[in-house]
């Protein structure tokens, strides 16, 4: 099963709050370092939220419903006309 990024939180504390909200809604989600390095302890760097590929859209929609979208960087899936989520 592939896990894909569906949102990026501005910092670890925010990411953990978002993860908890999704967990309460019974939506699987894990955190990944938003940079090329991992983190130990509390990180002020961006943190990616990942979900199983077939559940990513559900997770993204739930997160949009639960919090203010202006705080989220939404990572859209790759498409032929928008490679690597850009465009």
PDB file of N, CA and C in Angstrom:
ATOM      1  N   UNK A   1       0.854  -1.179   0.000  1.00  0.00           N
ATOM      2  CA  UNK A   1       0.000   0.000   0.000  1.00  0.00           C
ATOM      3  C   UNK A   1       0.899   1.241   0.000  1.00  0.00           C
ATOM      4  N   UNK A   2       0.639   2.141  -0.929  1.00  0.00           N
ATOM      5  CA  UNK A   2       1.398   3.386  -1.010  1.00  0.00           C
ATOM      6  C   UNK A   2       0.730   4.460  -0.170  1.00  0.00           C
ATOM      7  N   UNK A   3       1.543   5.203   0.592  1.00  0.00           N
ATOM      8  CA  UNK A   3       1.069   6.341   1.367  1.00  0.00           C
ATOM      9  C   UNK A   3       1.459   7.587   0.605  1.00  0.00           C
ATOM     10  N   UNK A   4       0.532   8.544   0.475  1.00  0.00           N
ATOM     11  CA  UNK A   4       0.782   9.770  -0.286  1.00  0.00           C
ATOM     12  C   UNK A   4       0.527  10.989   0.583  1.00  0.00           C
ATOM     13  N   UNK A   5       1.221  12.059   0.252  1.00  0.00           N
ATOM     14  CA  UNK A   5       1.061  13.326   0.969  1.00  0.00           C
ATOM     15  C   UNK A   5      -0.245  13.965   0.531  1.00  0.00           C
ATOM     16  N   UNK A   6      -1.066  14.384   1.502  1.00  0.00           N
ATOM     17  CA  UNK A   6      -2.306  15.066   1.150  1.00  0.00           C
ATOM     18  C   UNK A   6      -2.375  16.471   1.728  1.00  0.00           C
ATOM     19  N   UNK A   7      -1.465  16.838   2.628  1.00  0.00           N
ATOM     20  CA  UNK A   7      -1.433  18.194   3.185  1.00  0.00           C
ATOM     21  C   UNK A   7      -0.080  18.408   3.861  1.00  0.00           C
ATOM     22  N   UNK A   8       0.292  19.667   4.034  1.00  0.00           N
ATOM     23  CA  UNK A   8       1.526  20.016   4.738  1.00  0.00           C
ATOM     24  C   UNK A   8       1.188  21.047   5.803  1.00  0.00           C
ATOM     25  N   UNK A   9       1.512  20.710   7.040  1.00  0.00           N
ATOM     26  CA  UNK A   9       1.278  21.623   8.164  1.00  0.00           C
ATOM     27  C   UNK A   9       2.497  22.538   8.320  1.00  0.00           C
ATOM     28  N   UNK A  10       2.301  23.730   8.865  1.00  0.00           N
ATOM     29  CA  UNK A  10       3.423  24.665   8.999  1.00  0.00           C
ATOM     30  C   UNK A  10       4.460  24.233  10.035  1.00  0.00           C
ATOM     31  N   UNK A  11       4.069  23.383  10.994  1.00  0.00           N
ATOM     32  CA  UNK A  11       4.993  22.926  12.025  1.00  0.00           C
ATOM     33  C   UNK A  11       4.474  21.623  12.636  1.00  0.00           C
ATOM     34  N   UNK A  12       5.298  21.003  13.481  1.00  0.00           N
ATOM     35  CA  UNK A  12       4.948  19.709  14.035  1.00  0.00           C
ATOM     36  C   UNK A  12       3.735  19.764  14.966  1.00  0.00           C
ATOM     37  N   UNK A  13       3.635  20.788  15.782  1.00  0.00           N
ATOM     38  CA  UNK A  13       2.494  20.887  16.704  1.00  0.00           C
ATOM     39  C   UNK A  13       1.170  20.937  15.938  1.00  0.00           C
ATOM     40  N   UNK A  14       1.129  21.741  14.896  1.00  0.00           N
ATOM     41  CA  UNK A  14      -0.076  21.839  14.071  1.00  0.00           C
ATOM     42  C   UNK A  14      -0.368  20.501  13.407  1.00  0.00           C
ATOM     43  N   UNK A  15       0.672  19.862  12.873  1.00  0.00           N
ATOM     44  CA  UNK A  15       0.491  18.562  12.215  1.00  0.00           C
ATOM     45  C   UNK A  15      -0.083  17.537  13.184  1.00  0.00           C
ATOM     46  N   UNK A  16       0.403  17.529  14.414  1.00  0.00           N
ATOM     47  CA  UNK A  16      -0.105  16.576  15.397  1.00  0.00           C
ATOM     48  C   UNK A  16      -1.562  16.862  15.763  1.00  0.00           C
ATOM     49  N   UNK A  17      -1.936  18.143  15.813  1.00  0.00           N
ATOM     50  CA  UNK A  17      -3.347  18.483  16.074  1.00  0.00           C
ATOM     51  C   UNK A  17      -4.226  18.015  14.920  1.00  0.00           C
ATOM     52  N   UNK A  18      -3.783  18.248  13.681  1.00  0.00           N
ATOM     53  CA  UNK A  18      -4.543  17.799  12.515  1.00  0.00           C
ATOM     54  C   UNK A  18      -4.658  16.278  12.495  1.00  0.00           C
ATOM     55  N   UNK A  19      -3.559  15.605  12.819  1.00  0.00           N
ATOM     56  CA  UNK A  19      -3.565  14.141  12.860  1.00  0.00           C
ATOM     57  C   UNK A  19      -4.562  13.641  13.905  1.00  0.00           C
ATOM     58  N   UNK A  20      -4.610  14.304  15.048  1.00  0.00           N
ATOM     59  CA  UNK A  20      -5.551  13.910  16.099  1.00  0.00           C
ATOM     60  C   UNK A  20      -6.999  14.116  15.648  1.00  0.00           C
ATOM     61  N   UNK A  21      -7.282  15.229  14.982  1.00  0.00           N
ATOM     62  CA  UNK A  21      -8.634  15.463  14.468  1.00  0.00           C
ATOM     63  C   UNK A  21      -9.051  14.356  13.503  1.00  0.00           C
ATOM     64  N   UNK A  22      -8.142  13.999  12.612  1.00  0.00           N
ATOM     65  CA  UNK A  22      -8.448  12.947  11.647  1.00  0.00           C
ATOM     66  C   UNK A  22      -8.602  11.598  12.335  1.00  0.00           C
ATOM     67  N   UNK A  23      -7.777  11.349  13.333  1.00  0.00           N
ATOM     68  CA  UNK A  23      -7.877  10.096  14.088  1.00  0.00           C
ATOM     69  C   UNK A  23      -9.242   9.978  14.766  1.00  0.00           C
ATOM     70  N   UNK A  24      -9.727  11.082  15.326  1.00  0.00           N
ATOM     71  CA  UNK A  24     -11.042  11.080  15.967  1.00  0.00           C
ATOM     72  C   UNK A  24     -12.158  10.800  14.957  1.00  0.00           C
ATOM     73  N   UNK A  25     -11.892  11.116  13.691  1.00  0.00           N
ATOM     74  CA  UNK A  25     -12.866  10.845  12.627  1.00  0.00           C
ATOM     75  C   UNK A  25     -12.612   9.473  11.996  1.00  0.00           C
ATOM     76  N   UNK A  26     -11.724   8.682  12.615  1.00  0.00           N
ATOM     77  CA  UNK A  26     -11.389   7.328  12.146  1.00  0.00           C
ATOM     78  C   UNK A  26     -10.764   7.332  10.759  1.00  0.00           C
ATOM     79  N   UNK A  27      -9.915   8.341  10.507  1.00  0.00           N
ATOM     80  CA  UNK A  27      -9.198   8.448   9.242  1.00  0.00           C
ATOM     81  C   UNK A  27      -7.716   8.240   9.522  1.00  0.00           C
ATOM     82  N   UNK A  28      -7.126   7.275   8.818  1.00  0.00           N
ATOM     83  CA  UNK A  28      -5.707   6.970   9.030  1.00  0.00           C
ATOM     84  C   UNK A  28      -4.826   8.066   8.452  1.00  0.00           C
ATOM     85  N   UNK A  29      -3.803   8.421   9.226  1.00  0.00           N
ATOM     86  CA  UNK A  29      -2.906   9.494   8.835  1.00  0.00           C
ATOM     87  C   UNK A  29      -1.592   9.311   9.590  1.00  0.00           C
ATOM     88  N   UNK A  30      -0.482   9.582   8.912  1.00  0.00           N
ATOM     89  CA  UNK A  30       0.830   9.565   9.550  1.00  0.00           C
ATOM     90  C   UNK A  30       1.543  10.869   9.227  1.00  0.00           C
ATOM     91  N   UNK A  31       2.561  11.186  10.023  1.00  0.00           N
ATOM     92  CA  UNK A  31       3.339  12.396   9.811  1.00  0.00           C
ATOM     93  C   UNK A  31       4.691  12.048   9.220  1.00  0.00           C
ATOM     94  N   UNK A  32       5.171  12.916   8.344  1.00  0.00           N
ATOM     95  CA  UNK A  32       6.494  12.780   7.735  1.00  0.00           C
ATOM     96  C   UNK A  32       7.162  14.149   7.787  1.00  0.00           C
ATOM     97  N   UNK A  33       8.463  14.154   7.992  1.00  0.00           N
ATOM     98  CA  UNK A  33       9.205  15.416   7.986  1.00  0.00           C
ATOM     99  C   UNK A  33       9.008  16.104   6.649  1.00  0.00           C
ATOM    100  N   UNK A  34       8.775  17.415   6.665  1.00  0.00           N
ATOM    101  CA  UNK A  34       8.546  18.158   5.436  1.00  0.00           C
ATOM    102  C   UNK A  34       9.822  18.507   4.710  1.00  0.00           C
ATOM    103  N   UNK A  35      10.949  18.294   5.367  1.00  0.00           N
ATOM    104  CA  UNK A  35      12.239  18.566   4.758  1.00  0.00           C
ATOM    105  C   UNK A  35      12.937  17.240   4.484  1.00  0.00           C
ATOM    106  N   UNK A  36      14.182  17.270   4.130  1.00  0.00           N
ATOM    107  CA  UNK A  36      14.899  16.043   3.798  1.00  0.00           C
ATOM    108  C   UNK A  36      15.397  15.318   5.045  1.00  0.00           C
ATOM    109  N   UNK A  37      15.224  15.901   6.201  1.00  0.00           N
ATOM    110  CA  UNK A  37      15.691  15.274   7.435  1.00  0.00           C
ATOM    111  C   UNK A  37      14.502  14.906   8.315  1.00  0.00           C
ATOM    112  N   UNK A  38      14.698  13.943   9.178  1.00  0.00           N
ATOM    113  CA  UNK A  38      13.674  13.586  10.162  1.00  0.00           C
ATOM    114  C   UNK A  38      13.802  14.505  11.363  1.00  0.00           C
ATOM    115  N   UNK A  39      12.912  14.344  12.327  1.00  0.00           N
ATOM    116  CA  UNK A  39      13.007  15.188  13.500  1.00  0.00           C
ATOM    117  C   UNK A  39      12.842  14.368  14.779  1.00  0.00           C
ATOM    118  N   UNK A  40      13.545  14.801  15.798  1.00  0.00           N
ATOM    119  CA  UNK A  40      13.410  14.248  17.137  1.00  0.00           C
ATOM    120  C   UNK A  40      12.960  15.406  18.013  1.00  0.00           C
ATOM    121  N   UNK A  41      11.951  15.194  18.803  1.00  0.00           N
ATOM    122  CA  UNK A  41      11.415  16.290  19.596  1.00  0.00           C
ATOM    123  C   UNK A  41      10.487  17.152  18.759  1.00  0.00           C
ATOM    124  N   UNK A  42      10.302  18.385  19.176  1.00  0.00           N
ATOM    125  CA  UNK A  42       9.382  19.304  18.497  1.00  0.00           C
ATOM    126  C   UNK A  42      10.108  20.029  17.381  1.00  0.00           C
ATOM    127  N   UNK A  43       9.496  20.039  16.200  1.00  0.00           N
ATOM    128  CA  UNK A  43      10.096  20.678  15.037  1.00  0.00           C
ATOM    129  C   UNK A  43       9.264  21.886  14.609  1.00  0.00           C
ATOM    130  N   UNK A  44       9.963  22.962  14.256  1.00  0.00           N
ATOM    131  CA  UNK A  44       9.286  24.150  13.725  1.00  0.00           C
ATOM    132  C   UNK A  44       9.228  24.103  12.200  1.00  0.00           C
ATOM    133  N   UNK A  45       9.792  23.053  11.609  1.00  0.00           N
ATOM    134  CA  UNK A  45       9.797  22.900  10.155  1.00  0.00           C
ATOM    135  C   UNK A  45       8.449  22.348   9.689  1.00  0.00           C
ATOM    136  N   UNK A  46       8.106  22.553   8.418  1.00  0.00           N
ATOM    137  CA  UNK A  46       6.859  21.984   7.883  1.00  0.00           C
ATOM    138  C   UNK A  46       6.836  20.463   8.026  1.00  0.00           C
ATOM    139  N   UNK A  47       5.627  19.941   8.213  1.00  0.00           N
ATOM    140  CA  UNK A  47       5.436  18.499   8.390  1.00  0.00           C
ATOM    141  C   UNK A  47       4.348  18.046   7.429  1.00  0.00           C
ATOM    142  N   UNK A  48       4.625  16.976   6.701  1.00  0.00           N
ATOM    143  CA  UNK A  48       3.659  16.437   5.741  1.00  0.00           C
ATOM    144  C   UNK A  48       2.736  15.440   6.432  1.00  0.00           C
ATOM    145  N   UNK A  49       1.491  15.442   6.026  1.00  0.00           N
ATOM    146  CA  UNK A  49       0.530  14.443   6.475  1.00  0.00           C
ATOM    147  C   UNK A  49       0.307  13.480   5.317  1.00  0.00           C
ATOM    148  N   UNK A  50       0.417  12.191   5.599  1.00  0.00           N
ATOM    149  CA  UNK A  50       0.250  11.183   4.566  1.00  0.00           C
ATOM    150  C   UNK A  50      -0.867  10.224   4.959  1.00  0.00           C
ATOM    151  N   UNK A  51      -1.489   9.654   3.936  1.00  0.00           N
ATOM    152  CA  UNK A  51      -2.562   8.674   4.122  1.00  0.00           C
ATOM    153  C   UNK A  51      -2.420   7.622   3.028  1.00  0.00           C
ATOM    154  N   UNK A  52      -3.038   6.457   3.226  1.00  0.00           N
ATOM    155  CA  UNK A  52      -3.029   5.475   2.144  1.00  0.00           C
ATOM    156  C   UNK A  52      -3.589   6.117   0.874  1.00  0.00           C
ATOM    157  N   UNK A  53      -3.015   5.775  -0.261  1.00  0.00           N
ATOM    158  CA  UNK A  53      -3.376   6.421  -1.528  1.00  0.00           C
ATOM    159  C   UNK A  53      -4.879   6.423  -1.778  1.00  0.00           C
ATOM    160  N   UNK A  54      -5.550   5.321  -1.478  1.00  0.00           N
ATOM    161  CA  UNK A  54      -6.986   5.248  -1.750  1.00  0.00           C
ATOM    162  C   UNK A  54      -7.832   5.992  -0.723  1.00  0.00           C
ATOM    163  N   UNK A  55      -7.204   6.522   0.342  1.00  0.00           N
ATOM    164  CA  UNK A  55      -7.923   7.277   1.364  1.00  0.00           C
ATOM    165  C   UNK A  55      -7.500   8.740   1.430  1.00  0.00           C
ATOM    166  N   UNK A  56      -6.538   9.145   0.598  1.00  0.00           N
ATOM    167  CA  UNK A  56      -5.984  10.498   0.663  1.00  0.00           C
ATOM    168  C   UNK A  56      -7.025  11.579   0.383  1.00  0.00           C
ATOM    169  N   UNK A  57      -7.876  11.365  -0.597  1.00  0.00           N
ATOM    170  CA  UNK A  57      -8.893  12.370  -0.918  1.00  0.00           C
ATOM    171  C   UNK A  57      -9.880  12.531   0.242  1.00  0.00           C
ATOM    172  N   UNK A  58     -10.243  11.433   0.860  1.00  0.00           N
ATOM    173  CA  UNK A  58     -11.139  11.478   2.021  1.00  0.00           C
ATOM    174  C   UNK A  58     -10.472  12.248   3.154  1.00  0.00           C
ATOM    175  N   UNK A  59      -9.201  11.962   3.403  1.00  0.00           N
ATOM    176  CA  UNK A  59      -8.470  12.649   4.466  1.00  0.00           C
ATOM    177  C   UNK A  59      -8.377  14.142   4.187  1.00  0.00           C
ATOM    178  N   UNK A  60      -8.060  14.504   2.935  1.00  0.00           N
ATOM    179  CA  UNK A  60      -7.951  15.918   2.562  1.00  0.00           C
ATOM    180  C   UNK A  60      -9.299  16.626   2.729  1.00  0.00           C
ATOM    181  N   UNK A  61     -10.375  16.004   2.262  1.00  0.00           N
ATOM    182  CA  UNK A  61     -11.707  16.604   2.391  1.00  0.00           C
ATOM    183  C   UNK A  61     -12.101  16.764   3.853  1.00  0.00           C
ATOM    184  N   UNK A  62     -11.798  15.760   4.665  1.00  0.00           N
ATOM    185  CA  UNK A  62     -12.129  15.837   6.088  1.00  0.00           C
ATOM    186  C   UNK A  62     -11.349  16.957   6.757  1.00  0.00           C
ATOM    187  N   UNK A  63     -10.074  17.072   6.431  1.00  0.00           N
ATOM    188  CA  UNK A  63      -9.261  18.124   7.026  1.00  0.00           C
ATOM    189  C   UNK A  63      -9.761  19.499   6.599  1.00  0.00           C
ATOM    190  N   UNK A  64     -10.135  19.652   5.345  1.00  0.00           N
ATOM    191  CA  UNK A  64     -10.685  20.920   4.870  1.00  0.00           C
ATOM    192  C   UNK A  64     -11.958  21.283   5.632  1.00  0.00           C
ATOM    193  N   UNK A  65     -12.760  20.277   5.951  1.00  0.00           N
ATOM    194  CA  UNK A  65     -14.004  20.506   6.677  1.00  0.00           C
ATOM    195  C   UNK A  65     -13.734  20.866   8.135  1.00  0.00           C
ATOM    196  N   UNK A  66     -12.698  20.254   8.721  1.00  0.00           N
ATOM    197  CA  UNK A  66     -12.434  20.415  10.152  1.00  0.00           C
ATOM    198  C   UNK A  66     -11.683  21.692  10.508  1.00  0.00           C
ATOM    199  N   UNK A  67     -10.885  22.219   9.586  1.00  0.00           N
ATOM    200  CA  UNK A  67     -10.103  23.416   9.904  1.00  0.00           C
ATOM    201  C   UNK A  67     -10.173  24.426   8.772  1.00  0.00           C
ATOM    202  N   UNK A  68      -9.616  25.603   9.041  1.00  0.00           N
ATOM    203  CA  UNK A  68      -9.602  26.690   8.066  1.00  0.00           C
ATOM    204  C   UNK A  68      -8.610  26.385   6.956  1.00  0.00           C
ATOM    205  N   UNK A  69      -9.071  26.344   5.712  1.00  0.00           N
ATOM    206  CA  UNK A  69      -8.215  26.009   4.572  1.00  0.00           C
ATOM    207  C   UNK A  69      -7.040  26.958   4.378  1.00  0.00           C
ATOM    208  N   UNK A  70      -7.125  28.176   4.860  1.00  0.00           N
ATOM    209  CA  UNK A  70      -6.040  29.125   4.646  1.00  0.00           C
ATOM    210  C   UNK A  70      -4.763  28.690   5.349  1.00  0.00           C
ATOM    211  N   UNK A  71      -4.859  27.754   6.293  1.00  0.00           N
ATOM    212  CA  UNK A  71      -3.678  27.284   7.014  1.00  0.00           C
ATOM    213  C   UNK A  71      -3.054  26.056   6.364  1.00  0.00           C
ATOM    214  N   UNK A  72      -3.665  25.502   5.335  1.00  0.00           N
ATOM    215  CA  UNK A  72      -3.213  24.244   4.751  1.00  0.00           C
ATOM    216  C   UNK A  72      -2.567  24.473   3.396  1.00  0.00           C
ATOM    217  N   UNK A  73      -1.466  23.782   3.171  1.00  0.00           N
ATOM    218  CA  UNK A  73      -0.910  23.669   1.833  1.00  0.00           C
ATOM    219  C   UNK A  73      -1.380  22.315   1.339  1.00  0.00           C
ATOM    220  N   UNK A  74      -2.277  22.311   0.374  1.00  0.00           N
ATOM    221  CA  UNK A  74      -2.842  21.063  -0.121  1.00  0.00           C
ATOM    222  C   UNK A  74      -1.968  20.538  -1.245  1.00  0.00           C
ATOM    223  N   UNK A  75      -1.532  19.290  -1.102  1.00  0.00           N
ATOM    224  CA  UNK A  75      -0.752  18.635  -2.139  1.00  0.00           C
ATOM    225  C   UNK A  75      -1.702  17.829  -3.006  1.00  0.00           C
ATOM    226  N   UNK A  76      -1.840  18.239  -4.271  1.00  0.00           N
ATOM    227  CA  UNK A  76      -2.743  17.562  -5.188  1.00  0.00           C
ATOM    228  C   UNK A  76      -2.030  16.396  -5.847  1.00  0.00           C
ATOM    229  N   UNK A  77      -2.758  15.353  -6.188  1.00  0.00           N
ATOM    230  CA  UNK A  77      -2.121  14.213  -6.856  1.00  0.00           C
ATOM    231  C   UNK A  77      -1.591  14.595  -8.228  1.00  0.00           C
ATOM    232  N   UNK A  78      -0.548  13.882  -8.656  1.00  0.00           N
ATOM    233  CA  UNK A  78       0.029  14.123  -9.976  1.00  0.00           C
ATOM    234  C   UNK A  78      -0.968  13.732 -11.062  1.00  0.00           C
ATOM    235  N   UNK A  79      -0.992  14.515 -12.114  1.00  0.00           N
ATOM    236  CA  UNK A  79      -1.786  14.189 -13.296  1.00  0.00           C
ATOM    237  C   UNK A  79      -0.919  14.476 -14.514  1.00  0.00           C
ATOM    238  N   UNK A  80      -1.279  13.929 -15.671  1.00  0.00           N
ATOM    239  CA  UNK A  80      -0.450  14.172 -16.865  1.00  0.00           C
ATOM    240  C   UNK A  80      -0.277  15.650 -17.194  1.00  0.00           C
ATOM    241  N   UNK A  81      -1.295  16.461 -16.946  1.00  0.00           N
ATOM    242  CA  UNK A  81      -1.204  17.881 -17.263  1.00  0.00           C
ATOM    243  C   UNK A  81      -0.607  18.697 -16.112  1.00  0.00           C
ATOM    244  N   UNK A  82      -0.373  18.061 -14.951  1.00  0.00           N
ATOM    245  CA  UNK A  82       0.185  18.737 -13.788  1.00  0.00           C
ATOM    246  C   UNK A  82       1.176  17.803 -13.095  1.00  0.00           C
ATOM    247  N   UNK A  83       2.347  17.552 -13.709  1.00  0.00           N
ATOM    248  CA  UNK A  83       3.302  16.615 -13.121  1.00  0.00           C
ATOM    249  C   UNK A  83       3.823  17.101 -11.770  1.00  0.00           C
ATOM    250  N   UNK A  84       4.076  16.173 -10.900  1.00  0.00           N
ATOM    251  CA  UNK A  84       4.652  16.444  -9.577  1.00  0.00           C
ATOM    252  C   UNK A  84       3.814  17.404  -8.747  1.00  0.00           C
ATOM    253  N   UNK A  85       2.541  17.521  -8.998  1.00  0.00           N
ATOM    254  CA  UNK A  85       1.664  18.359  -8.186  1.00  0.00           C
ATOM    255  C   UNK A  85       1.781  19.840  -8.473  1.00  0.00           C
ATOM    256  N   UNK A  86       2.491  20.240  -9.549  1.00  0.00           N
ATOM    257  CA  UNK A  86       2.641  21.651  -9.854  1.00  0.00           C
ATOM    258  C   UNK A  86       1.731  22.039 -11.004  1.00  0.00           C
ATOM    259  N   UNK A  87       1.371  23.334 -11.020  1.00  0.00           N
ATOM    260  CA  UNK A  87       0.627  23.843 -12.168  1.00  0.00           C
ATOM    261  C   UNK A  87      -0.754  24.002 -11.877  1.00  0.00           C
TER     262      UNK A  87
END
